[in-house]
Structure formats: C-alpha cells, structure tokens
PDB file of N, CA and C in Angstrom:
ATOM      1  N   MET A   1      -5.574 -18.308  21.911  1.00  0.00           N
ATOM      2  CA  MET A   1      -5.157 -17.866  20.544  1.00  0.00           C
ATOM      3  C   MET A   1      -4.061 -18.849  20.319  1.00  0.00           C
ATOM      4  N   THR A   2      -4.012 -19.746  19.350  1.00  0.00           N
ATOM      5  CA  THR A   2      -2.835 -20.585  19.061  1.00  0.00           C
ATOM      6  C   THR A   2      -2.187 -20.154  17.641  1.00  0.00           C
ATOM      7  N   PRO A   3      -0.836 -19.860  17.918  1.00  0.00           N
ATOM      8  CA  PRO A   3      -0.231 -19.480  16.788  1.00  0.00           C
ATOM      9  C   PRO A   3      -0.106 -20.773  15.715  1.00  0.00           C
ATOM     10  N   ILE A   4      -0.072 -20.595  14.442  1.00  0.00           N
ATOM     11  CA  ILE A   4      -0.039 -21.613  13.392  1.00  0.00           C
ATOM     12  C   ILE A   4       0.985 -21.302  12.435  1.00  0.00           C
ATOM     13  N   ASP A   5       1.891 -22.051  12.274  1.00  0.00           N
ATOM     14  CA  ASP A   5       2.824 -22.138  11.205  1.00  0.00           C
ATOM     15  C   ASP A   5       2.315 -22.034   9.892  1.00  0.00           C
ATOM     16  N   PHE A   6       2.479 -21.269   8.864  1.00  0.00           N
ATOM     17  CA  PHE A   6       1.945 -21.262   7.449  1.00  0.00           C
ATOM     18  C   PHE A   6       2.219 -22.562   6.762  1.00  0.00           C
ATOM     19  N   LYS A   7       3.310 -23.084   7.141  1.00  0.00           N
ATOM     20  CA  LYS A   7       3.673 -24.564   6.383  1.00  0.00           C
ATOM     21  C   LYS A   7       2.958 -25.787   7.006  1.00  0.00           C
ATOM     22  N   GLU A   8       2.190 -25.437   8.002  1.00  0.00           N
ATOM     23  CA  GLU A   8       1.309 -26.392   8.337  1.00  0.00           C
ATOM     24  C   GLU A   8       0.077 -26.595   7.946  1.00  0.00           C
ATOM     25  N   LEU A   9      -0.347 -25.300   7.260  1.00  0.00           N
ATOM     26  CA  LEU A   9      -1.717 -25.289   6.557  1.00  0.00           C
ATOM     27  C   LEU A   9      -1.820 -26.191   5.407  1.00  0.00           C
ATOM     28  N   THR A  10      -3.293 -26.318   5.181  1.00  0.00           N
ATOM     29  CA  THR A  10      -3.429 -26.955   3.854  1.00  0.00           C
ATOM     30  C   THR A  10      -3.097 -26.056   2.561  1.00  0.00           C
ATOM     31  N   THR A  11      -2.979 -26.660   1.364  1.00  0.00           N
ATOM     32  CA  THR A  11      -2.602 -25.963   0.302  1.00  0.00           C
ATOM     33  C   THR A  11      -3.794 -24.916  -0.041  1.00  0.00           C
ATOM     34  N   LEU A  12      -4.895 -25.362   0.275  1.00  0.00           N
ATOM     35  CA  LEU A  12      -6.010 -24.394   0.140  1.00  0.00           C
ATOM     36  C   LEU A  12      -6.049 -23.255   0.955  1.00  0.00           C
ATOM     37  N   SER A  13      -5.837 -23.561   2.122  1.00  0.00           N
ATOM     38  CA  SER A  13      -5.725 -22.296   3.160  1.00  0.00           C
ATOM     39  C   SER A  13      -4.582 -21.498   2.778  1.00  0.00           C
ATOM     40  N   GLN A  14      -3.411 -22.060   2.450  1.00  0.00           N
ATOM     41  CA  GLN A  14      -2.118 -21.221   2.119  1.00  0.00           C
ATOM     42  C   GLN A  14      -2.809 -20.422   0.789  1.00  0.00           C
ATOM     43  N   ALA A  15      -3.449 -20.924  -0.143  1.00  0.00           N
ATOM     44  CA  ALA A  15      -3.833 -20.247  -1.349  1.00  0.00           C
ATOM     45  C   ALA A  15      -4.837 -19.024  -0.987  1.00  0.00           C
ATOM     46  N   GLY A  16      -5.588 -19.313  -0.111  1.00  0.00           N
ATOM     47  CA  GLY A  16      -6.582 -18.302   0.459  1.00  0.00           C
ATOM     48  C   GLY A  16      -5.769 -16.984   1.095  1.00  0.00           C
ATOM     49  N   ILE A  17      -4.836 -17.416   1.803  1.00  0.00           N
ATOM     50  CA  ILE A  17      -4.335 -16.393   2.411  1.00  0.00           C
ATOM     51  C   ILE A  17      -3.307 -15.527   1.489  1.00  0.00           C
ATOM     52  N   VAL A  18      -2.577 -16.257   0.576  1.00  0.00           N
ATOM     53  CA  VAL A  18      -1.767 -15.647  -0.425  1.00  0.00           C
ATOM     54  C   VAL A  18      -2.682 -14.809  -1.230  1.00  0.00           C
ATOM     55  N   TRP A  19      -3.730 -15.215  -1.677  1.00  0.00           N
ATOM     56  CA  TRP A  19      -5.015 -14.544  -2.599  1.00  0.00           C
ATOM     57  C   TRP A  19      -5.253 -13.180  -1.889  1.00  0.00           C
ATOM     58  N   GLY A  20      -5.426 -13.372  -0.627  1.00  0.00           N
ATOM     59  CA  GLY A  20      -5.946 -12.211   0.212  1.00  0.00           C
ATOM     60  C   GLY A  20      -4.817 -11.131   0.153  1.00  0.00           C
ATOM     61  N   PHE A  21      -3.588 -11.520   0.460  1.00  0.00           N
ATOM     62  CA  PHE A  21      -2.471 -10.412   0.378  1.00  0.00           C
ATOM     63  C   PHE A  21      -2.437  -9.833  -1.159  1.00  0.00           C
ATOM     64  N   PHE A  22      -2.442 -10.985  -2.142  1.00  0.00           N
ATOM     65  CA  PHE A  22      -2.404 -10.214  -3.577  1.00  0.00           C
ATOM     66  C   PHE A  22      -3.297  -9.289  -4.083  1.00  0.00           C
ATOM     67  N   TRP A  23      -4.789  -9.707  -3.861  1.00  0.00           N
ATOM     68  CA  TRP A  23      -5.546  -8.829  -4.403  1.00  0.00           C
ATOM     69  C   TRP A  23      -5.449  -7.426  -3.572  1.00  0.00           C
ATOM     70  N   ARG A  24      -5.343  -7.496  -2.267  1.00  0.00           N
ATOM     71  CA  ARG A  24      -5.277  -6.157  -1.557  1.00  0.00           C
ATOM     72  C   ARG A  24      -4.152  -5.414  -1.918  1.00  0.00           C
ATOM     73  N   CYS A  25      -3.057  -6.161  -2.373  1.00  0.00           N
ATOM     74  CA  CYS A  25      -1.750  -5.420  -2.886  1.00  0.00           C
ATOM     75  C   CYS A  25      -1.997  -4.665  -4.075  1.00  0.00           C
ATOM     76  N   ILE A  26      -2.644  -5.500  -4.881  1.00  0.00           N
ATOM     77  CA  ILE A  26      -3.033  -4.832  -6.403  1.00  0.00           C
ATOM     78  C   ILE A  26      -4.019  -3.630  -6.327  1.00  0.00           C
ATOM     79  N   ALA A  27      -4.950  -3.618  -5.264  1.00  0.00           N
ATOM     80  CA  ALA A  27      -5.938  -2.688  -5.182  1.00  0.00           C
ATOM     81  C   ALA A  27      -5.275  -1.465  -4.719  1.00  0.00           C
ATOM     82  N   THR A  28      -4.295  -1.766  -3.712  1.00  0.00           N
ATOM     83  CA  THR A  28      -3.658  -0.661  -2.840  1.00  0.00           C
ATOM     84  C   THR A  28      -2.675  -0.038  -3.968  1.00  0.00           C
ATOM     85  N   ALA A  29      -2.039  -0.687  -4.928  1.00  0.00           N
ATOM     86  CA  ALA A  29      -0.977  -0.093  -5.928  1.00  0.00           C
ATOM     87  C   ALA A  29      -1.769   0.786  -6.902  1.00  0.00           C
ATOM     88  N   LEU A  30      -2.835   0.163  -7.545  1.00  0.00           N
ATOM     89  CA  LEU A  30      -3.640   0.724  -8.409  1.00  0.00           C
ATOM     90  C   LEU A  30      -4.316   2.392  -7.771  1.00  0.00           C
ATOM     91  N   GLY A  31      -4.883   2.343  -6.534  1.00  0.00           N
ATOM     92  CA  GLY A  31      -5.197   3.461  -5.829  1.00  0.00           C
ATOM     93  C   GLY A  31      -4.067   4.192  -5.535  1.00  0.00           C
ATOM     94  N   SER A  32      -2.745   3.879  -5.369  1.00  0.00           N
ATOM     95  CA  SER A  32      -1.804   4.848  -4.926  1.00  0.00           C
ATOM     96  C   SER A  32      -1.299   5.446  -6.308  1.00  0.00           C
ATOM     97  N   ALA A  33      -1.233   4.502  -7.477  1.00  0.00           N
ATOM     98  CA  ALA A  33      -0.779   5.128  -8.934  1.00  0.00           C
ATOM     99  C   ALA A  33      -1.851   6.140  -9.230  1.00  0.00           C
ATOM    100  N   LEU A  34      -3.056   5.792  -9.243  1.00  0.00           N
ATOM    101  CA  LEU A  34      -4.097   6.859  -9.517  1.00  0.00           C
ATOM    102  C   LEU A  34      -4.145   8.188  -8.602  1.00  0.00           C
ATOM    103  N   CYS A  35      -3.988   8.129  -7.366  1.00  0.00           N
ATOM    104  CA  CYS A  35      -3.870   9.361  -6.388  1.00  0.00           C
ATOM    105  C   CYS A  35      -2.796   9.937  -6.853  1.00  0.00           C
ATOM    106  N   GLY A  36      -1.562   9.229  -6.941  1.00  0.00           N
ATOM    107  CA  GLY A  36      -0.295   9.897  -7.163  1.00  0.00           C
ATOM    108  C   GLY A  36      -0.287  10.725  -8.601  1.00  0.00           C
ATOM    109  N   ALA A  37      -0.954   9.989  -9.404  1.00  0.00           N
ATOM    110  CA  ALA A  37      -0.970  10.857 -10.762  1.00  0.00           C
ATOM    111  C   ALA A  37      -1.794  11.931 -10.801  1.00  0.00           C
ATOM    112  N   LEU A  38      -2.950  11.747 -10.085  1.00  0.00           N
ATOM    113  CA  LEU A  38      -3.812  13.047  -9.895  1.00  0.00           C
ATOM    114  C   LEU A  38      -3.010  14.166  -8.968  1.00  0.00           C
ATOM    115  N   LEU A  39      -2.696  13.701  -8.087  1.00  0.00           N
ATOM    116  CA  LEU A  39      -1.953  14.729  -6.976  1.00  0.00           C
ATOM    117  C   LEU A  39      -0.815  15.377  -7.894  1.00  0.00           C
ATOM    118  N   GLY A  40       0.079  14.400  -8.467  1.00  0.00           N
ATOM    119  CA  GLY A  40       1.214  14.802  -9.249  1.00  0.00           C
ATOM    120  C   GLY A  40       1.021  15.872 -10.255  1.00  0.00           C
ATOM    121  N   GLY A  41      -0.112  15.573 -10.953  1.00  0.00           N
ATOM    122  CA  GLY A  41      -0.549  16.348 -11.992  1.00  0.00           C
ATOM    123  C   GLY A  41      -0.980  17.784 -11.647  1.00  0.00           C
ATOM    124  N   ILE A  42      -1.738  17.876 -10.523  1.00  0.00           N
ATOM    125  CA  ILE A  42      -2.498  18.979  -9.987  1.00  0.00           C
ATOM    126  C   ILE A  42      -1.079  19.872  -9.463  1.00  0.00           C
ATOM    127  N   VAL A  43      -0.371  19.226  -8.535  1.00  0.00           N
ATOM    128  CA  VAL A  43       0.766  20.065  -8.187  1.00  0.00           C
ATOM    129  C   VAL A  43       1.874  20.517  -9.042  1.00  0.00           C
ATOM    130  N   GLY A  44       1.867  19.629 -10.138  1.00  0.00           N
ATOM    131  CA  GLY A  44       2.922  20.093 -11.131  1.00  0.00           C
ATOM    132  C   GLY A  44       2.232  21.215 -11.913  1.00  0.00           C
ATOM    133  N   PHE A  45       1.091  21.209 -12.117  1.00  0.00           N
ATOM    134  CA  PHE A  45       0.184  22.373 -12.927  1.00  0.00           C
ATOM    135  C   PHE A  45       0.289  23.652 -12.221  1.00  0.00           C
ATOM    136  N   VAL A  46       0.179  23.367 -10.567  1.00  0.00           N
ATOM    137  CA  VAL A  46       0.144  24.552  -9.918  1.00  0.00           C
ATOM    138  C   VAL A  46       1.386  25.272 -10.015  1.00  0.00           C
ATOM    139  N   LEU A  47       2.627  24.484  -9.648  1.00  0.00           N
ATOM    140  CA  LEU A  47       3.927  25.013  -9.592  1.00  0.00           C
ATOM    141  C   LEU A  47       4.430  25.330 -10.924  1.00  0.00           C
ATOM    142  N   GLY A  48       4.037  24.842 -12.114  1.00  0.00           N
ATOM    143  CA  GLY A  48       4.280  25.315 -13.287  1.00  0.00           C
ATOM    144  C   GLY A  48       3.895  26.564 -13.547  1.00  0.00           C
ATOM    145  N   ILE A  49       2.811  27.063 -13.344  1.00  0.00           N
ATOM    146  CA  ILE A  49       2.100  28.242 -13.620  1.00  0.00           C
ATOM    147  C   ILE A  49       2.512  29.399 -12.485  1.00  0.00           C
ATOM    148  N   SER A  50       2.971  28.854 -11.253  1.00  0.00           N
ATOM    149  CA  SER A  50       3.296  29.883 -10.194  1.00  0.00           C
ATOM    150  C   SER A  50       4.679  30.367 -10.515  1.00  0.00           C
ATOM    151  N   GLY A  51       5.554  29.858 -11.575  1.00  0.00           N
ATOM    152  CA  GLY A  51       6.876  30.439 -11.781  1.00  0.00           C
ATOM    153  C   GLY A  51       8.045  29.690 -11.068  1.00  0.00           C
ATOM    154  N   ILE A  52       7.852  28.581 -10.339  1.00  0.00           N
ATOM    155  CA  ILE A  52       8.821  27.897  -9.766  1.00  0.00           C
ATOM    156  C   ILE A  52       9.876  27.350 -10.896  1.00  0.00           C
ATOM    157  N   ALA A  53      11.012  27.318 -10.600  1.00  0.00           N
ATOM    158  CA  ALA A  53      12.005  26.825 -11.668  1.00  0.00           C
ATOM    159  C   ALA A  53      11.758  25.192 -11.922  1.00  0.00           C
ATOM    160  N   ARG A  54      11.845  25.172 -13.435  1.00  0.00           N
ATOM    161  CA  ARG A  54      11.446  23.884 -13.989  1.00  0.00           C
ATOM    162  C   ARG A  54      12.093  22.514 -13.178  1.00  0.00           C
ATOM    163  N   SER A  55      13.470  22.834 -12.943  1.00  0.00           N
ATOM    164  CA  SER A  55      14.210  21.769 -12.251  1.00  0.00           C
ATOM    165  C   SER A  55      13.825  21.466 -11.003  1.00  0.00           C
ATOM    166  N   ALA A  56      13.110  22.075 -10.322  1.00  0.00           N
ATOM    167  CA  ALA A  56      12.613  21.949  -8.912  1.00  0.00           C
ATOM    168  C   ALA A  56      11.389  21.005  -8.908  1.00  0.00           C
ATOM    169  N   ILE A  57      10.604  21.143 -10.025  1.00  0.00           N
ATOM    170  CA  ILE A  57       9.278  20.366  -9.967  1.00  0.00           C
ATOM    171  C   ILE A  57       9.352  18.968 -10.006  1.00  0.00           C
ATOM    172  N   PRO A  58      10.436  18.151 -10.743  1.00  0.00           N
ATOM    173  CA  PRO A  58      10.481  16.881 -10.622  1.00  0.00           C
ATOM    174  C   PRO A  58      10.931  16.436  -9.304  1.00  0.00           C
ATOM    175  N   MET A  59      11.844  17.251  -8.613  1.00  0.00           N
ATOM    176  CA  MET A  59      12.291  16.812  -7.206  1.00  0.00           C
ATOM    177  C   MET A  59      11.067  16.887  -6.277  1.00  0.00           C
ATOM    178  N   ILE A  60      10.171  18.010  -6.405  1.00  0.00           N
ATOM    179  CA  ILE A  60       8.914  17.978  -5.581  1.00  0.00           C
ATOM    180  C   ILE A  60       7.931  16.966  -5.925  1.00  0.00           C
ATOM    181  N   GLY A  61       7.960  16.573  -7.093  1.00  0.00           N
ATOM    182  CA  GLY A  61       7.113  15.603  -7.729  1.00  0.00           C
ATOM    183  C   GLY A  61       7.450  13.874  -7.189  1.00  0.00           C
ATOM    184  N   GLY A  62       8.820  14.073  -7.063  1.00  0.00           N
ATOM    185  CA  GLY A  62       9.411  12.642  -6.614  1.00  0.00           C
ATOM    186  C   GLY A  62       9.004  12.493  -4.907  1.00  0.00           C
ATOM    187  N   LEU A  63       9.203  13.584  -4.240  1.00  0.00           N
ATOM    188  CA  LEU A  63       8.834  13.756  -2.787  1.00  0.00           C
ATOM    189  C   LEU A  63       7.491  13.517  -2.441  1.00  0.00           C
ATOM    190  N   LEU A  64       6.602  13.905  -3.504  1.00  0.00           N
ATOM    191  CA  LEU A  64       5.167  13.751  -3.305  1.00  0.00           C
ATOM    192  C   LEU A  64       4.764  12.537  -3.561  1.00  0.00           C
ATOM    193  N   GLY A  65       5.334  11.635  -4.615  1.00  0.00           N
ATOM    194  CA  GLY A  65       5.061  10.458  -4.895  1.00  0.00           C
ATOM    195  C   GLY A  65       5.786   9.466  -3.697  1.00  0.00           C
ATOM    196  N   LEU A  66       6.760   9.879  -3.086  1.00  0.00           N
ATOM    197  CA  LEU A  66       7.397   9.046  -2.028  1.00  0.00           C
ATOM    198  C   LEU A  66       6.358   8.988  -0.851  1.00  0.00           C
ATOM    199  N   LEU A  67       5.800  10.305  -0.513  1.00  0.00           N
ATOM    200  CA  LEU A  67       4.846  10.486   0.504  1.00  0.00           C
ATOM    201  C   LEU A  67       3.555   9.787   0.179  1.00  0.00           C
ATOM    202  N   THR A  68       3.075   9.900  -0.874  1.00  0.00           N
ATOM    203  CA  THR A  68       1.788   9.178  -1.397  1.00  0.00           C
ATOM    204  C   THR A  68       1.982   7.455  -1.294  1.00  0.00           C
ATOM    205  N   GLY A  69       3.147   6.973  -1.570  1.00  0.00           N
ATOM    206  CA  GLY A  69       3.539   5.778  -1.669  1.00  0.00           C
ATOM    207  C   GLY A  69       3.546   5.053  -0.241  1.00  0.00           C
ATOM    208  N   LEU A  70       4.130   5.999   0.930  1.00  0.00           N
ATOM    209  CA  LEU A  70       4.107   5.571   2.140  1.00  0.00           C
ATOM    210  C   LEU A  70       2.829   5.597   2.865  1.00  0.00           C
ATOM    211  N   PHE A  71       2.045   6.517   2.406  1.00  0.00           N
ATOM    212  CA  PHE A  71       0.768   6.530   2.783  1.00  0.00           C
ATOM    213  C   PHE A  71      -0.208   5.480   2.527  1.00  0.00           C
ATOM    214  N   PHE A  72      -0.067   5.074   1.345  1.00  0.00           N
ATOM    215  CA  PHE A  72      -0.997   3.960   0.925  1.00  0.00           C
ATOM    216  C   PHE A  72      -0.316   2.666   1.231  1.00  0.00           C
ATOM    217  N   PHE A  73       0.907   2.378   1.623  1.00  0.00           N
ATOM    218  CA  PHE A  73       1.623   1.168   2.290  1.00  0.00           C
ATOM    219  C   PHE A  73       0.921   1.232   3.728  1.00  0.00           C
ATOM    220  N   TYR A  74       1.071   2.280   4.396  1.00  0.00           N
ATOM    221  CA  TYR A  74       0.221   2.270   5.732  1.00  0.00           C
ATOM    222  C   TYR A  74      -1.003   1.847   5.552  1.00  0.00           C
ATOM    223  N   LEU A  75      -1.897   2.203   4.676  1.00  0.00           N
ATOM    224  CA  LEU A  75      -3.420   1.819   4.501  1.00  0.00           C
ATOM    225  C   LEU A  75      -3.344   0.314   4.167  1.00  0.00           C
ATOM    226  N   TYR A  76      -2.352  -0.345   3.420  1.00  0.00           N
ATOM    227  CA  TYR A  76      -2.393  -1.492   3.092  1.00  0.00           C
ATOM    228  C   TYR A  76      -2.078  -2.430   4.370  1.00  0.00           C
ATOM    229  N   VAL A  77      -1.190  -2.233   5.244  1.00  0.00           N
ATOM    230  CA  VAL A  77      -0.780  -2.804   6.140  1.00  0.00           C
ATOM    231  C   VAL A  77      -2.023  -2.739   7.329  1.00  0.00           C
ATOM    232  N   ARG A  78      -2.654  -1.772   7.533  1.00  0.00           N
ATOM    233  CA  ARG A  78      -3.814  -1.588   8.283  1.00  0.00           C
ATOM    234  C   ARG A  78      -5.054  -2.462   7.848  1.00  0.00           C
ATOM    235  N   TRP A  79      -5.128  -2.512   6.391  1.00  0.00           N
ATOM    236  CA  TRP A  79      -6.238  -3.292   5.698  1.00  0.00           C
ATOM    237  C   TRP A  79      -5.778  -4.892   6.111  1.00  0.00           C
ATOM    238  N   LEU A  80      -4.781  -5.295   6.017  1.00  0.00           N
ATOM    239  CA  LEU A  80      -4.337  -6.593   6.245  1.00  0.00           C
ATOM    240  C   LEU A  80      -4.514  -7.169   7.512  1.00  0.00           C
ATOM    241  N   LEU A  81      -4.155  -6.252   8.558  1.00  0.00           N
ATOM    242  CA  LEU A  81      -4.518  -6.465   9.982  1.00  0.00           C
ATOM    243  C   LEU A  81      -5.875  -6.399  10.280  1.00  0.00           C
ATOM    244  N   ALA A  82      -6.696  -5.721   9.625  1.00  0.00           N
ATOM    245  CA  ALA A  82      -8.216  -5.817   9.997  1.00  0.00           C
ATOM    246  C   ALA A  82      -8.875  -7.035   9.263  1.00  0.00           C
ATOM    247  N   SER A  83      -8.464  -7.405   8.297  1.00  0.00           N
ATOM    248  CA  SER A  83      -9.035  -8.356   7.243  1.00  0.00           C
ATOM    249  C   SER A  83      -9.003  -9.888   7.730  1.00  0.00           C
ATOM    250  N   ARG A  84     -10.095 -10.660   7.208  1.00  0.00           N
ATOM    251  CA  ARG A  84      -9.967 -11.936   7.258  1.00  0.00           C
ATOM    252  C   ARG A  84      -9.312 -12.690   5.943  1.00  0.00           C
ATOM    253  N   LEU A  85      -8.359 -13.417   6.199  1.00  0.00           N
ATOM    254  CA  LEU A  85      -7.695 -14.040   4.982  1.00  0.00           C
ATOM    255  C   LEU A  85      -8.186 -15.428   4.866  1.00  0.00           C
ATOM    256  N   GLY A  86      -9.195 -15.815   4.189  1.00  0.00           N
ATOM    257  CA  GLY A  86      -9.854 -17.290   4.276  1.00  0.00           C
ATOM    258  C   GLY A  86     -10.382 -17.283   5.726  1.00  0.00           C
ATOM    259  N   ALA A  87      -9.874 -18.392   6.328  1.00  0.00           N
ATOM    260  CA  ALA A  87     -10.639 -18.514   7.636  1.00  0.00           C
ATOM    261  C   ALA A  87      -9.635 -18.053   8.973  1.00  0.00           C
ATOM    262  N   PHE A  88      -8.445 -17.252   8.377  1.00  0.00           N
ATOM    263  CA  PHE A  88      -7.707 -16.731   9.375  1.00  0.00           C
ATOM    264  C   PHE A  88      -7.556 -15.249   9.430  1.00  0.00           C
ATOM    265  N   ARG A  89      -7.052 -14.622  10.267  1.00  0.00           N
ATOM    266  CA  ARG A  89      -6.590 -13.329  10.210  1.00  0.00           C
ATOM    267  C   ARG A  89      -5.382 -13.209  10.946  1.00  0.00           C
ATOM    268  N   LEU A  90      -4.614 -12.030  10.446  1.00  0.00           N
ATOM    269  CA  LEU A  90      -3.408 -11.769  11.041  1.00  0.00           C
ATOM    270  C   LEU A  90      -3.492 -10.831  12.388  1.00  0.00           C
ATOM    271  N   VAL A  91      -2.747 -11.251  13.437  1.00  0.00           N
ATOM    272  CA  VAL A  91      -2.594 -10.565  14.603  1.00  0.00           C
ATOM    273  C   VAL A  91      -0.992 -10.438  15.082  1.00  0.00           C
ATOM    274  N   LEU A  92      -0.990  -9.334  15.777  1.00  0.00           N
ATOM    275  CA  LEU A  92       0.420  -9.121  16.176  1.00  0.00           C
ATOM    276  C   LEU A  92       0.660  -9.562  17.819  1.00  0.00           C
ATOM    277  N   VAL A  93       1.598 -10.195  17.989  1.00  0.00           N
ATOM    278  CA  VAL A  93       1.905 -10.719  19.296  1.00  0.00           C
ATOM    279  C   VAL A  93       3.298 -10.144  19.636  1.00  0.00           C
ATOM    280  N   LEU A  94       3.424 -10.190  20.960  1.00  0.00           N
ATOM    281  CA  LEU A  94       4.813  -9.695  21.338  1.00  0.00           C
ATOM    282  C   LEU A  94       5.818 -10.769  21.329  1.00  0.00           C
ATOM    283  N   ALA A  95       6.857 -10.535  20.674  1.00  0.00           N
ATOM    284  CA  ALA A  95       7.919 -11.391  20.497  1.00  0.00           C
ATOM    285  C   ALA A  95       8.888 -11.688  21.795  1.00  0.00           C
ATOM    286  N   ASP A  96       8.926 -12.906  22.119  1.00  0.00           N
ATOM    287  CA  ASP A  96       9.614 -13.210  23.204  1.00  0.00           C
ATOM    288  C   ASP A  96      11.051 -12.938  23.358  1.00  0.00           C
TER     289      ASP A  96
END
C-alpha cells in the first residue's frame, strides 16, 4: 500500500473524492435532522404530558440533539472508512 498525496491526484480524481465526502455528508445531515426531529418531538411530547417543568424540556432536547448528532457523525466516519471514493478508499495508518 502506497500513500498518495491528495495534491498529486488528477483534478478528476480529486473531484471524485470530494464528491464522495460531500454526498455522504449531505445524506448523514439529512438523516440526523430527520431522526433528531422525530426523536425530539416524541420525547418533548412525552415529557410535556408527564408534568416535567417546561424550562427543563429545551435542555433535555438540546442534550438529545447533541447525542443524536454525535451518533450520526460516528456513522459518517465509519461510512467514509468503508467506502470507495472514486478509485480510492481511506485507510488508517499508524503515524510515525
């Protein structure tokens, strides 16, 4: 396995790699937003009818949004490491 510097690639190869990152990022962001909205709505509704103070609901929703975002970021990184980006794929190597 030979490391390749991004600057040494052709413009077409660079565009393919950037596109691979971009569309996966958009898909992950949309999935995160949809799941976060659905989860936030359900949890907000349940907390609202359970009698929890209204001032606590936005804090709980914010924490839930943070956890959802972190989970989807983890999925994004795993997806990138498992994917082909044009003719290439990302690999982790031990830094010397």
